[in-house]
Amino acid sequence: MNALALSKPAGLDQIRAVDLGRPRDPGPGEIVVRLQASSLNYHDLAVALGYLPTAQGRIPLSDGAGRVEAVGPGVADLAVGDLVVSLFFPDWRDGRPPVADFSRTPGDGLDGYARSHVTAPASFFTQAPKGFDALQAASLTTAGLTAWRALVEGGVKPGDRVLVLGTGGVSVFALQFARMMGAQVAATSGSDDKLARIGALGADHRVNYRRQPDWSASILDWTDGVGVDHVIEVGGPATLGQSIAATRLGGHIALIGVLTGFSGEIPNAALMARQIRLQGVTVGSARHQKEMIKAIDANGLAPVIDQVFPVAELGQALGLIQAGGHFGKVGVDLTF
């Protein structure tokens, strides 16, 4: 067995081992990658649970990293032995997003990376950062790139104040990138232990939202009543009102997550009165990923990997994501 596939009905107990045989030889513009690691995201959980329906037998996982084992004709920028990392939107090279769905996303509309090898267009991958191992590289595809694009397109500059919600993969990456850009960072969590951990990573202000449900008041106190310049909003409908209240006039909210639901009311009056720019962000393009990796190479960054599971325990690993018990990223060793 050299891969995992999703059965129906959906559920974390419906992940089965399959044998895909040997990978086919690469054609023009293609490479063969020996996959070594993946990392988990809420998107992977939503697919496995059937919230985002996909085809029977779909190979899950949108993130993948490994070594190039063979190169087809016409591939010039990758070579055998290179450590490469996958793209969430492999057809989005630059410019505007080409699709508004996940029909071309590995692990959703396409087969993903819960397997030992893949033969795919070289354009589905980029070089990994220098000095990274496969597990670190795999953490970048979804969470890392989402955080990067949210901050870059938000226009974060030195001296800005950034608010990150929670301590999952996107939020921890956003903290690290924001500090790289010279910003100050506030963080929320319902766990004092996680707040201590994110403080050790450099969070300047921390608030426990369980003890202080009106947590925007604490953010306003920290900013002398002004509010933060940017919010990395991963919660969704149940947290958006507090995020708006915590944002300065004319500030920016990157709306990323649906952890509290897929739909809900938007506080239109508050959003308009504060003239806040609300931007939906779903990962990014190949250009965004290459620019992020250049920044990592130039400045240094160590992804925070909380736990690593063997691929045979993918269901248990996704259960940890479902329970919100992780800090940073959850990795998967793709050794079959």
C-alpha atoms as a PDB file:
ATOM      1  CA  MET A   1       0.000   0.000   0.000  1.00  0.00           C
ATOM      2  CA  ASN A   2       1.400   3.374  -0.969  1.00  0.00           C
ATOM      3  CA  ALA A   3      -1.489   5.819  -0.614  1.00  0.00           C
ATOM      4  CA  LEU A   4      -4.595   6.711   1.368  1.00  0.00           C
ATOM      5  CA  ALA A   5      -8.023   7.406  -0.128  1.00  0.00           C
ATOM      6  CA  LEU A   6     -11.358   8.731   1.147  1.00  0.00           C
ATOM      7  CA  SER A   7     -14.361   6.431   1.153  1.00  0.00           C
ATOM      8  CA  LYS A   8     -18.026   7.326   1.474  1.00  0.00           C
ATOM      9  CA  PRO A   9     -19.930   8.027   3.637  1.00  0.00           C
ATOM     10  CA  ALA A  10     -17.468  10.685   4.770  1.00  0.00           C
ATOM     11  CA  GLY A  11     -15.755  10.584   8.146  1.00  0.00           C
ATOM     12  CA  LEU A  12     -12.383  10.246   9.815  1.00  0.00           C
ATOM     13  CA  ASP A  13     -12.966   6.476   9.999  1.00  0.00           C
ATOM     14  CA  GLN A  14     -13.483   6.293   6.230  1.00  0.00           C
ATOM     15  CA  ILE A  15      -9.816   6.686   5.245  1.00  0.00           C
ATOM     16  CA  ARG A  16      -8.478   3.518   3.648  1.00  0.00           C
ATOM     17  CA  ALA A  17      -5.129   2.311   2.357  1.00  0.00           C
ATOM     18  CA  VAL A  18      -4.795   1.705  -1.392  1.00  0.00           C
ATOM     19  CA  ASP A  19      -2.071   0.598  -3.785  1.00  0.00           C
ATOM     20  CA  LEU A  20      -1.459   2.948  -6.713  1.00  0.00           C
ATOM     21  CA  GLY A  21       1.371   0.885  -8.153  1.00  0.00           C
ATOM     22  CA  ARG A  22       4.518   2.448  -9.543  1.00  0.00           C
ATOM     23  CA  PRO A  23       4.394   6.110 -10.558  1.00  0.00           C
ATOM     24  CA  ARG A  24       4.309   6.594 -14.311  1.00  0.00           C
ATOM     25  CA  ASP A  25       7.335   8.103 -16.020  1.00  0.00           C
ATOM     26  CA  PRO A  26       7.232  11.882 -16.436  1.00  0.00           C
ATOM     27  CA  GLY A  27       6.076  13.303 -19.737  1.00  0.00           C
ATOM     28  CA  PRO A  28       7.026  16.681 -21.198  1.00  0.00           C
ATOM     29  CA  GLY A  29       6.980  19.356 -18.481  1.00  0.00           C
ATOM     30  CA  GLU A  30       6.439  16.800 -15.690  1.00  0.00           C
ATOM     31  CA  ILE A  31       8.377  15.540 -12.688  1.00  0.00           C
ATOM     32  CA  VAL A  32       8.172  12.548 -10.364  1.00  0.00           C
ATOM     33  CA  VAL A  33       8.331  13.479  -6.676  1.00  0.00           C
ATOM     34  CA  ARG A  34       9.037  11.052  -3.843  1.00  0.00           C
ATOM     35  CA  LEU A  35       6.761  12.607  -1.240  1.00  0.00           C
ATOM     36  CA  GLN A  36       8.130  12.725   2.288  1.00  0.00           C
ATOM     37  CA  ALA A  37       5.832  14.945   4.348  1.00  0.00           C
ATOM     38  CA  SER A  38       2.529  16.760   4.480  1.00  0.00           C
ATOM     39  CA  SER A  39       0.882  19.110   6.958  1.00  0.00           C
ATOM     40  CA  LEU A  40      -2.766  19.393   7.938  1.00  0.00           C
ATOM     41  CA  ASN A  41      -5.231  22.232   7.557  1.00  0.00           C
ATOM     42  CA  TYR A  42      -8.885  22.784   8.392  1.00  0.00           C
ATOM     43  CA  HIS A  43      -9.542  22.401   4.654  1.00  0.00           C
ATOM     44  CA  ASP A  44      -8.285  18.807   4.778  1.00  0.00           C
ATOM     45  CA  LEU A  45     -10.586  18.124   7.721  1.00  0.00           C
ATOM     46  CA  ALA A  46     -13.577  19.658   5.903  1.00  0.00           C
ATOM     47  CA  VAL A  47     -12.945  17.404   2.889  1.00  0.00           C
ATOM     48  CA  ALA A  48     -12.543  14.277   5.016  1.00  0.00           C
ATOM     49  CA  LEU A  49     -15.758  15.033   6.927  1.00  0.00           C
ATOM     50  CA  GLY A  50     -17.723  15.683   3.737  1.00  0.00           C
ATOM     51  CA  TYR A  51     -18.290  19.387   4.394  1.00  0.00           C
ATOM     52  CA  LEU A  52     -16.542  19.935   1.054  1.00  0.00           C
ATOM     53  CA  PRO A  53     -17.762  16.936  -0.975  1.00  0.00           C
ATOM     54  CA  THR A  54     -15.295  15.307  -3.326  1.00  0.00           C
ATOM     55  CA  ALA A  55     -15.077  12.209  -5.501  1.00  0.00           C
ATOM     56  CA  GLN A  56     -15.204   8.693  -4.129  1.00  0.00           C
ATOM     57  CA  GLY A  57     -11.653   7.420  -3.649  1.00  0.00           C
ATOM     58  CA  ARG A  58     -10.067  10.876  -3.576  1.00  0.00           C
ATOM     59  CA  ILE A  59      -6.489  10.922  -2.267  1.00  0.00           C
ATOM     60  CA  PRO A  60      -6.503  13.613   0.446  1.00  0.00           C
ATOM     61  CA  LEU A  61      -4.085  16.320   1.641  1.00  0.00           C
ATOM     62  CA  SER A  62      -3.366  19.595  -0.115  1.00  0.00           C
ATOM     63  CA  ASP A  63       0.181  20.038   1.226  1.00  0.00           C
ATOM     64  CA  GLY A  64       3.101  17.957   0.026  1.00  0.00           C
ATOM     65  CA  ALA A  65       6.885  18.131  -0.047  1.00  0.00           C
ATOM     66  CA  GLY A  66       9.571  15.738  -1.181  1.00  0.00           C
ATOM     67  CA  ARG A  67      12.500  15.062  -3.496  1.00  0.00           C
ATOM     68  CA  VAL A  68      12.420  15.109  -7.281  1.00  0.00           C
ATOM     69  CA  GLU A  69      13.231  11.613  -8.558  1.00  0.00           C
ATOM     70  CA  ALA A  70      12.783  12.098 -12.310  1.00  0.00           C
ATOM     71  CA  VAL A  71      12.417  15.014 -14.713  1.00  0.00           C
ATOM     72  CA  GLY A  72      10.623  15.001 -18.044  1.00  0.00           C
ATOM     73  CA  PRO A  73      11.595  16.834 -21.237  1.00  0.00           C
ATOM     74  CA  GLY A  74      11.340  20.597 -21.103  1.00  0.00           C
ATOM     75  CA  VAL A  75      11.724  21.013 -17.337  1.00  0.00           C
ATOM     76  CA  ALA A  76      14.458  23.580 -16.778  1.00  0.00           C
ATOM     77  CA  ASP A  77      13.998  24.993 -13.269  1.00  0.00           C
ATOM     78  CA  LEU A  78      13.916  21.738 -11.260  1.00  0.00           C
ATOM     79  CA  ALA A  79      16.394  18.871 -11.140  1.00  0.00           C
ATOM     80  CA  VAL A  80      16.660  15.393  -9.677  1.00  0.00           C
ATOM     81  CA  GLY A  81      17.361  15.673  -5.948  1.00  0.00           C
ATOM     82  CA  ASP A  82      15.687  19.067  -5.446  1.00  0.00           C
ATOM     83  CA  LEU A  83      13.438  19.436  -2.411  1.00  0.00           C
ATOM     84  CA  VAL A  84      10.132  20.814  -3.681  1.00  0.00           C
ATOM     85  CA  VAL A  85       6.874  21.947  -2.084  1.00  0.00           C
ATOM     86  CA  SER A  86       3.412  21.850  -3.613  1.00  0.00           C
ATOM     87  CA  LEU A  87       1.077  24.682  -4.617  1.00  0.00           C
ATOM     88  CA  PHE A  88      -2.493  24.875  -3.270  1.00  0.00           C
ATOM     89  CA  PHE A  89      -3.712  26.446  -6.546  1.00  0.00           C
ATOM     90  CA  PRO A  90      -1.339  24.882  -9.101  1.00  0.00           C
ATOM     91  CA  ASP A  91      -2.895  26.761 -12.049  1.00  0.00           C
ATOM     92  CA  TRP A  92      -2.681  30.205 -10.406  1.00  0.00           C
ATOM     93  CA  ARG A  93       0.646  31.517 -11.588  1.00  0.00           C
ATOM     94  CA  ASP A  94       0.179  35.277 -11.044  1.00  0.00           C
ATOM     95  CA  GLY A  95      -2.400  38.050 -11.257  1.00  0.00           C
ATOM     96  CA  ARG A  96      -6.033  37.512 -10.365  1.00  0.00           C
ATOM     97  CA  PRO A  97      -7.280  34.155  -9.039  1.00  0.00           C
ATOM     98  CA  PRO A  98      -8.463  31.985 -11.961  1.00  0.00           C
ATOM     99  CA  VAL A  99     -11.141  30.087  -9.996  1.00  0.00           C
ATOM    100  CA  ALA A 100     -13.502  30.685  -7.072  1.00  0.00           C
ATOM    101  CA  ASP A 101     -13.607  27.062  -5.938  1.00  0.00           C
ATOM    102  CA  PHE A 102     -11.343  24.102  -5.152  1.00  0.00           C
ATOM    103  CA  SER A 103     -11.878  22.183  -8.383  1.00  0.00           C
ATOM    104  CA  ARG A 104      -8.141  22.301  -9.132  1.00  0.00           C
ATOM    105  CA  THR A 105      -6.849  22.007  -5.570  1.00  0.00           C
ATOM    106  CA  PRO A 106      -4.966  18.802  -4.674  1.00  0.00           C
ATOM    107  CA  GLY A 107      -6.728  16.838  -1.963  1.00  0.00           C
ATOM    108  CA  ASP A 108     -10.102  18.278  -3.029  1.00  0.00           C
ATOM    109  CA  GLY A 109     -10.888  18.629  -6.735  1.00  0.00           C
ATOM    110  CA  LEU A 110      -7.718  16.724  -7.636  1.00  0.00           C
ATOM    111  CA  ASP A 111      -5.942  13.845  -5.923  1.00  0.00           C
ATOM    112  CA  GLY A 112      -3.680  15.101  -3.162  1.00  0.00           C
ATOM    113  CA  TYR A 113      -0.445  14.073  -1.494  1.00  0.00           C
ATOM    114  CA  ALA A 114      -1.297  11.253   0.929  1.00  0.00           C
ATOM    115  CA  ARG A 115       0.843   8.904  -1.166  1.00  0.00           C
ATOM    116  CA  SER A 116       4.432   7.877  -1.648  1.00  0.00           C
ATOM    117  CA  HIS A 117       5.004   9.297  -5.159  1.00  0.00           C
ATOM    118  CA  VAL A 118       3.317  11.640  -7.589  1.00  0.00           C
ATOM    119  CA  THR A 119       3.882  12.345 -11.276  1.00  0.00           C
ATOM    120  CA  ALA A 120       2.655  15.860 -12.003  1.00  0.00           C
ATOM    121  CA  PRO A 121       3.457  18.998 -13.981  1.00  0.00           C
ATOM    122  CA  ALA A 122       6.574  20.684 -12.631  1.00  0.00           C
ATOM    123  CA  SER A 123       4.427  23.819 -12.279  1.00  0.00           C
ATOM    124  CA  PHE A 124       2.546  22.127  -9.402  1.00  0.00           C
ATOM    125  CA  PHE A 125       5.646  22.662  -7.216  1.00  0.00           C
ATOM    126  CA  THR A 126       8.220  25.284  -6.288  1.00  0.00           C
ATOM    127  CA  GLN A 127      11.648  24.963  -4.733  1.00  0.00           C
ATOM    128  CA  ALA A 128      11.581  24.688  -0.938  1.00  0.00           C
ATOM    129  CA  PRO A 129      13.419  27.239   1.226  1.00  0.00           C
ATOM    130  CA  LYS A 130      17.144  26.637   1.669  1.00  0.00           C
ATOM    131  CA  GLY A 131      17.919  24.528   4.718  1.00  0.00           C
ATOM    132  CA  PHE A 132      14.342  23.318   5.214  1.00  0.00           C
ATOM    133  CA  ASP A 133      13.484  19.665   5.580  1.00  0.00           C
ATOM    134  CA  ALA A 134      10.394  18.205   3.913  1.00  0.00           C
ATOM    135  CA  LEU A 135       8.213  18.578   6.998  1.00  0.00           C
ATOM    136  CA  GLN A 136       9.042  22.271   7.351  1.00  0.00           C
ATOM    137  CA  ALA A 137       8.523  22.844   3.633  1.00  0.00           C
ATOM    138  CA  ALA A 138       5.140  21.096   3.608  1.00  0.00           C
ATOM    139  CA  SER A 139       3.848  23.458   6.296  1.00  0.00           C
ATOM    140  CA  LEU A 140       4.085  26.390   3.867  1.00  0.00           C
ATOM    141  CA  THR A 141       1.666  25.353   1.094  1.00  0.00           C
ATOM    142  CA  THR A 142      -1.588  26.424   2.733  1.00  0.00           C
ATOM    143  CA  ALA A 143      -1.069  28.009   6.156  1.00  0.00           C
ATOM    144  CA  GLY A 144       2.219  29.747   5.471  1.00  0.00           C
ATOM    145  CA  LEU A 145       1.169  31.206   2.145  1.00  0.00           C
ATOM    146  CA  THR A 146      -2.224  32.328   3.451  1.00  0.00           C
ATOM    147  CA  ALA A 147      -0.580  34.254   6.290  1.00  0.00           C
ATOM    148  CA  TRP A 148       2.022  35.734   3.952  1.00  0.00           C
ATOM    149  CA  ARG A 149      -0.461  36.965   1.378  1.00  0.00           C
ATOM    150  CA  ALA A 150      -2.823  38.353   4.027  1.00  0.00           C
ATOM    151  CA  LEU A 151      -0.024  40.514   5.419  1.00  0.00           C
ATOM    152  CA  VAL A 152       1.611  41.513   2.130  1.00  0.00           C
ATOM    153  CA  GLU A 153      -1.615  42.439   0.349  1.00  0.00           C
ATOM    154  CA  GLY A 154      -2.787  44.096   3.538  1.00  0.00           C
ATOM    155  CA  GLY A 155       0.207  46.422   3.276  1.00  0.00           C
ATOM    156  CA  VAL A 156       1.821  45.656   6.628  1.00  0.00           C
ATOM    157  CA  LYS A 157       4.784  47.937   7.327  1.00  0.00           C
ATOM    158  CA  PRO A 158       7.238  48.425  10.197  1.00  0.00           C
ATOM    159  CA  GLY A 159       5.535  49.803  13.290  1.00  0.00           C
ATOM    160  CA  ASP A 160       2.067  48.497  12.376  1.00  0.00           C
ATOM    161  CA  ARG A 161       0.045  46.538  14.901  1.00  0.00           C
ATOM    162  CA  VAL A 162      -1.311  43.159  13.849  1.00  0.00           C
ATOM    163  CA  LEU A 163      -3.880  41.006  15.641  1.00  0.00           C
ATOM    164  CA  VAL A 164      -3.885  37.230  15.144  1.00  0.00           C
ATOM    165  CA  LEU A 165      -6.785  35.093  16.355  1.00  0.00           C
ATOM    166  CA  GLY A 166      -5.901  31.788  17.963  1.00  0.00           C
ATOM    167  CA  THR A 167      -2.697  29.789  17.691  1.00  0.00           C
ATOM    168  CA  GLY A 168      -3.270  27.529  14.690  1.00  0.00           C
ATOM    169  CA  GLY A 169      -1.026  27.281  11.670  1.00  0.00           C
ATOM    170  CA  VAL A 170      -2.103  30.472   9.862  1.00  0.00           C
ATOM    171  CA  SER A 171      -2.046  32.571  13.028  1.00  0.00           C
ATOM    172  CA  VAL A 172       1.400  31.404  14.160  1.00  0.00           C
ATOM    173  CA  PHE A 173       2.844  31.980  10.685  1.00  0.00           C
ATOM    174  CA  ALA A 174       1.208  35.427  10.638  1.00  0.00           C
ATOM    175  CA  LEU A 175       2.906  36.263  13.937  1.00  0.00           C
ATOM    176  CA  GLN A 176       6.277  35.175  12.586  1.00  0.00           C
ATOM    177  CA  PHE A 177       5.922  37.018   9.265  1.00  0.00           C
ATOM    178  CA  ALA A 178       4.535  40.168  10.901  1.00  0.00           C
ATOM    179  CA  ARG A 179       7.510  40.344  13.241  1.00  0.00           C
ATOM    180  CA  MET A 180       9.793  39.764  10.248  1.00  0.00           C
ATOM    181  CA  MET A 181       8.150  42.845   8.691  1.00  0.00           C
ATOM    182  CA  GLY A 182       8.749  44.945  11.799  1.00  0.00           C
ATOM    183  CA  ALA A 183       5.197  44.916  13.169  1.00  0.00           C
ATOM    184  CA  GLN A 184       3.949  44.451  16.720  1.00  0.00           C
ATOM    185  CA  VAL A 185       1.567  41.560  17.300  1.00  0.00           C
ATOM    186  CA  ALA A 186      -1.333  40.805  19.630  1.00  0.00           C
ATOM    187  CA  ALA A 187      -2.765  37.302  19.930  1.00  0.00           C
ATOM    188  CA  THR A 188      -5.902  35.704  21.343  1.00  0.00           C
ATOM    189  CA  SER A 189      -6.435  32.180  22.647  1.00  0.00           C
ATOM    190  CA  GLY A 190      -8.698  30.342  25.042  1.00  0.00           C
ATOM    191  CA  SER A 191      -5.678  28.604  26.605  1.00  0.00           C
ATOM    192  CA  ASP A 192      -3.189  30.240  28.975  1.00  0.00           C
ATOM    193  CA  ASP A 193      -0.624  27.608  27.994  1.00  0.00           C
ATOM    194  CA  LYS A 194      -0.951  28.506  24.316  1.00  0.00           C
ATOM    195  CA  LEU A 195      -0.776  32.211  25.154  1.00  0.00           C
ATOM    196  CA  ALA A 196       2.494  31.554  26.979  1.00  0.00           C
ATOM    197  CA  ARG A 197       3.838  29.676  23.965  1.00  0.00           C
ATOM    198  CA  ILE A 198       2.890  32.410  21.511  1.00  0.00           C
ATOM    199  CA  GLY A 199       4.369  34.966  23.884  1.00  0.00           C
ATOM    200  CA  ALA A 200       7.658  33.084  23.695  1.00  0.00           C
ATOM    201  CA  LEU A 201       7.459  33.466  19.897  1.00  0.00           C
ATOM    202  CA  GLY A 202       7.233  37.236  20.279  1.00  0.00           C
ATOM    203  CA  ALA A 203       3.588  38.216  20.750  1.00  0.00           C
ATOM    204  CA  ASP A 204       3.594  41.679  22.350  1.00  0.00           C
ATOM    205  CA  HIS A 205       0.087  41.449  23.821  1.00  0.00           C
ATOM    206  CA  ARG A 206      -2.053  38.433  24.684  1.00  0.00           C
ATOM    207  CA  VAL A 207      -5.674  38.003  25.758  1.00  0.00           C
ATOM    208  CA  ASN A 208      -7.639  34.935  26.855  1.00  0.00           C
ATOM    209  CA  TYR A 209     -10.999  35.196  25.092  1.00  0.00           C
ATOM    210  CA  ARG A 210     -12.619  32.692  27.452  1.00  0.00           C
ATOM    211  CA  ARG A 211     -11.952  34.887  30.481  1.00  0.00           C
ATOM    212  CA  GLN A 212     -12.602  38.073  28.510  1.00  0.00           C
ATOM    213  CA  PRO A 213     -15.326  37.448  25.894  1.00  0.00           C
ATOM    214  CA  ASP A 214     -15.259  41.163  25.024  1.00  0.00           C
ATOM    215  CA  TRP A 215     -11.617  40.771  24.019  1.00  0.00           C
ATOM    216  CA  SER A 216     -11.637  43.734  21.650  1.00  0.00           C
ATOM    217  CA  ALA A 217     -11.587  45.959  24.759  1.00  0.00           C
ATOM    218  CA  SER A 218      -8.197  44.533  25.723  1.00  0.00           C
ATOM    219  CA  ILE A 219      -6.889  45.172  22.189  1.00  0.00           C
ATOM    220  CA  LEU A 220      -8.136  48.761  22.331  1.00  0.00           C
ATOM    221  CA  ASP A 221      -6.413  49.259  25.701  1.00  0.00           C
ATOM    222  CA  TRP A 222      -3.168  47.960  24.194  1.00  0.00           C
ATOM    223  CA  THR A 223      -3.443  50.440  21.301  1.00  0.00           C
ATOM    224  CA  ASP A 224      -4.495  53.414  23.485  1.00  0.00           C
ATOM    225  CA  GLY A 225      -7.995  53.255  22.064  1.00  0.00           C
ATOM    226  CA  VAL A 226      -6.921  53.442  18.421  1.00  0.00           C
ATOM    227  CA  GLY A 227      -7.224  49.802  17.338  1.00  0.00           C
ATOM    228  CA  VAL A 228      -4.912  47.573  15.344  1.00  0.00           C
ATOM    229  CA  ASP A 229      -3.934  48.167  11.726  1.00  0.00           C
ATOM    230  CA  HIS A 230      -4.526  44.581  10.571  1.00  0.00           C
ATOM    231  CA  VAL A 231      -6.465  41.526  11.764  1.00  0.00           C
ATOM    232  CA  ILE A 232      -5.822  37.952  10.660  1.00  0.00           C
ATOM    233  CA  GLU A 233      -9.438  36.799  11.046  1.00  0.00           C
ATOM    234  CA  VAL A 234      -9.598  32.996  11.095  1.00  0.00           C
ATOM    235  CA  GLY A 235     -12.678  32.599  13.269  1.00  0.00           C
ATOM    236  CA  GLY A 236     -15.491  33.694  10.989  1.00  0.00           C
ATOM    237  CA  PRO A 237     -18.977  34.868  11.888  1.00  0.00           C
ATOM    238  CA  ALA A 238     -18.696  34.534  15.681  1.00  0.00           C
ATOM    239  CA  THR A 239     -15.494  36.572  15.931  1.00  0.00           C
ATOM    240  CA  LEU A 240     -15.861  39.112  13.124  1.00  0.00           C
ATOM    241  CA  GLY A 241     -17.771  41.636  15.250  1.00  0.00           C
ATOM    242  CA  GLN A 242     -15.026  41.704  17.865  1.00  0.00           C
ATOM    243  CA  SER A 243     -12.380  41.949  15.143  1.00  0.00           C
ATOM    244  CA  ILE A 244     -14.119  44.991  13.645  1.00  0.00           C
ATOM    245  CA  ALA A 245     -14.322  46.613  17.077  1.00  0.00           C
ATOM    246  CA  ALA A 246     -10.586  46.005  17.576  1.00  0.00           C
ATOM    247  CA  THR A 247      -9.569  47.546  14.219  1.00  0.00           C
ATOM    248  CA  ARG A 248      -8.623  51.174  13.731  1.00  0.00           C
ATOM    249  CA  LEU A 249     -10.469  53.531  11.427  1.00  0.00           C
ATOM    250  CA  GLY A 250      -9.530  52.614   7.877  1.00  0.00           C
ATOM    251  CA  GLY A 251      -7.797  49.422   9.003  1.00  0.00           C
ATOM    252  CA  HIS A 252      -7.626  46.061   7.260  1.00  0.00           C
ATOM    253  CA  ILE A 253      -9.161  42.682   8.110  1.00  0.00           C
ATOM    254  CA  ALA A 254      -8.040  39.601   6.190  1.00  0.00           C
ATOM    255  CA  LEU A 255     -11.018  37.228   6.354  1.00  0.00           C
ATOM    256  CA  ILE A 256      -9.535  33.752   6.149  1.00  0.00           C
ATOM    257  CA  GLY A 257     -11.210  31.160   8.329  1.00  0.00           C
ATOM    258  CA  VAL A 258     -14.549  29.526   9.053  1.00  0.00           C
ATOM    259  CA  LEU A 259     -13.753  27.954  12.413  1.00  0.00           C
ATOM    260  CA  THR A 260     -17.030  29.278  13.878  1.00  0.00           C
ATOM    261  CA  GLY A 261     -19.157  28.530  10.810  1.00  0.00           C
ATOM    262  CA  PHE A 262     -19.462  28.966   7.073  1.00  0.00           C
ATOM    263  CA  SER A 263     -21.999  31.798   7.157  1.00  0.00           C
ATOM    264  CA  GLY A 264     -23.365  34.452   9.473  1.00  0.00           C
ATOM    265  CA  GLU A 265     -24.304  38.080   9.869  1.00  0.00           C
ATOM    266  CA  ILE A 266     -21.823  40.828   9.009  1.00  0.00           C
ATOM    267  CA  PRO A 267     -21.929  43.932  11.249  1.00  0.00           C
ATOM    268  CA  ASN A 268     -22.389  46.222   8.243  1.00  0.00           C
ATOM    269  CA  ALA A 269     -22.924  49.434  10.206  1.00  0.00           C
ATOM    270  CA  ALA A 270     -19.746  49.038  12.252  1.00  0.00           C
ATOM    271  CA  LEU A 271     -17.747  48.008   9.183  1.00  0.00           C
ATOM    272  CA  MET A 272     -18.875  51.056   7.218  1.00  0.00           C
ATOM    273  CA  ALA A 273     -18.619  53.513  10.105  1.00  0.00           C
ATOM    274  CA  ARG A 274     -15.004  52.504  10.721  1.00  0.00           C
ATOM    275  CA  GLN A 275     -14.316  52.379   6.963  1.00  0.00           C
ATOM    276  CA  ILE A 276     -12.511  49.090   7.343  1.00  0.00           C
ATOM    277  CA  ARG A 277     -11.203  47.164   4.344  1.00  0.00           C
ATOM    278  CA  LEU A 278     -12.465  43.571   4.580  1.00  0.00           C
ATOM    279  CA  GLN A 279     -10.565  41.240   2.239  1.00  0.00           C
ATOM    280  CA  GLY A 280     -11.258  37.574   1.667  1.00  0.00           C
ATOM    281  CA  VAL A 281      -7.994  35.618   1.406  1.00  0.00           C
ATOM    282  CA  THR A 282      -7.663  32.013   0.215  1.00  0.00           C
ATOM    283  CA  VAL A 283      -3.996  30.971   0.020  1.00  0.00           C
ATOM    284  CA  GLY A 284      -2.176  32.502  -3.000  1.00  0.00           C
ATOM    285  CA  SER A 285      -0.446  32.142  -6.355  1.00  0.00           C
ATOM    286  CA  ALA A 286       2.856  30.633  -7.457  1.00  0.00           C
ATOM    287  CA  ARG A 287       4.351  34.130  -7.501  1.00  0.00           C
ATOM    288  CA  HIS A 288       3.208  34.712  -3.913  1.00  0.00           C
ATOM    289  CA  GLN A 289       4.788  31.405  -2.857  1.00  0.00           C
ATOM    290  CA  LYS A 290       8.097  32.132  -4.546  1.00  0.00           C
ATOM    291  CA  GLU A 291       8.218  35.604  -2.952  1.00  0.00           C
ATOM    292  CA  MET A 292       7.467  34.123   0.470  1.00  0.00           C
ATOM    293  CA  ILE A 293      10.260  31.605   0.062  1.00  0.00           C
ATOM    294  CA  LYS A 294      12.693  34.375  -0.967  1.00  0.00           C
ATOM    295  CA  ALA A 295      11.768  36.247   2.218  1.00  0.00           C
ATOM    296  CA  ILE A 296      12.324  33.120   4.320  1.00  0.00           C
ATOM    297  CA  ASP A 297      15.694  32.534   2.666  1.00  0.00           C
ATOM    298  CA  ALA A 298      16.717  36.144   3.336  1.00  0.00           C
ATOM    299  CA  ASN A 299      15.449  36.465   6.901  1.00  0.00           C
ATOM    300  CA  GLY A 300      15.242  32.992   8.356  1.00  0.00           C
ATOM    301  CA  LEU A 301      12.124  31.404   9.820  1.00  0.00           C
ATOM    302  CA  ALA A 302      11.488  28.088  11.540  1.00  0.00           C
ATOM    303  CA  PRO A 303       7.938  26.770  11.101  1.00  0.00           C
ATOM    304  CA  VAL A 304       6.308  25.681  14.343  1.00  0.00           C
ATOM    305  CA  ILE A 305       5.461  21.981  14.040  1.00  0.00           C
ATOM    306  CA  ASP A 306       3.463  20.884  17.080  1.00  0.00           C
ATOM    307  CA  GLN A 307       3.109  17.161  16.448  1.00  0.00           C
ATOM    308  CA  VAL A 308       4.008  14.711  13.688  1.00  0.00           C
ATOM    309  CA  PHE A 309       1.880  11.655  12.921  1.00  0.00           C
ATOM    310  CA  PRO A 310       2.714   8.640  10.756  1.00  0.00           C
ATOM    311  CA  VAL A 311       0.556   8.532   7.644  1.00  0.00           C
ATOM    312  CA  ALA A 312      -1.223   5.425   8.930  1.00  0.00           C
ATOM    313  CA  GLU A 313      -2.655   7.605  11.746  1.00  0.00           C
ATOM    314  CA  LEU A 314      -4.071  10.314   9.460  1.00  0.00           C
ATOM    315  CA  GLY A 315      -7.550   9.955  10.978  1.00  0.00           C
ATOM    316  CA  GLN A 316      -6.204  10.592  14.484  1.00  0.00           C
ATOM    317  CA  ALA A 317      -4.168  13.538  13.224  1.00  0.00           C
ATOM    318  CA  LEU A 318      -7.232  15.122  11.635  1.00  0.00           C
ATOM    319  CA  GLY A 319      -9.081  14.510  14.900  1.00  0.00           C
ATOM    320  CA  LEU A 320      -6.536  16.719  16.644  1.00  0.00           C
ATOM    321  CA  ILE A 321      -7.292  19.490  14.128  1.00  0.00           C
ATOM    322  CA  GLN A 322     -11.018  18.984  14.729  1.00  0.00           C
ATOM    323  CA  ALA A 323     -10.540  19.312  18.502  1.00  0.00           C
ATOM    324  CA  GLY A 324      -8.381  22.428  18.148  1.00  0.00           C
ATOM    325  CA  GLY A 325      -5.744  20.800  20.302  1.00  0.00           C
ATOM    326  CA  HIS A 326      -2.739  21.855  18.238  1.00  0.00           C
ATOM    327  CA  PHE A 327      -0.376  24.832  18.322  1.00  0.00           C
ATOM    328  CA  GLY A 328       1.037  25.843  14.952  1.00  0.00           C
ATOM    329  CA  LYS A 329       1.139  23.013  12.436  1.00  0.00           C
ATOM    330  CA  VAL A 330       0.418  19.288  12.596  1.00  0.00           C
ATOM    331  CA  GLY A 331       2.734  17.295  10.350  1.00  0.00           C
ATOM    332  CA  VAL A 332       2.340  13.934   8.604  1.00  0.00           C
ATOM    333  CA  ASP A 333       5.251  11.629   7.805  1.00  0.00           C
ATOM    334  CA  LEU A 334       4.507  10.122   4.383  1.00  0.00           C
ATOM    335  CA  THR A 335       6.621   7.014   4.892  1.00  0.00           C
ATOM    336  CA  PHE A 336       4.478   4.083   3.711  1.00  0.00           C
END
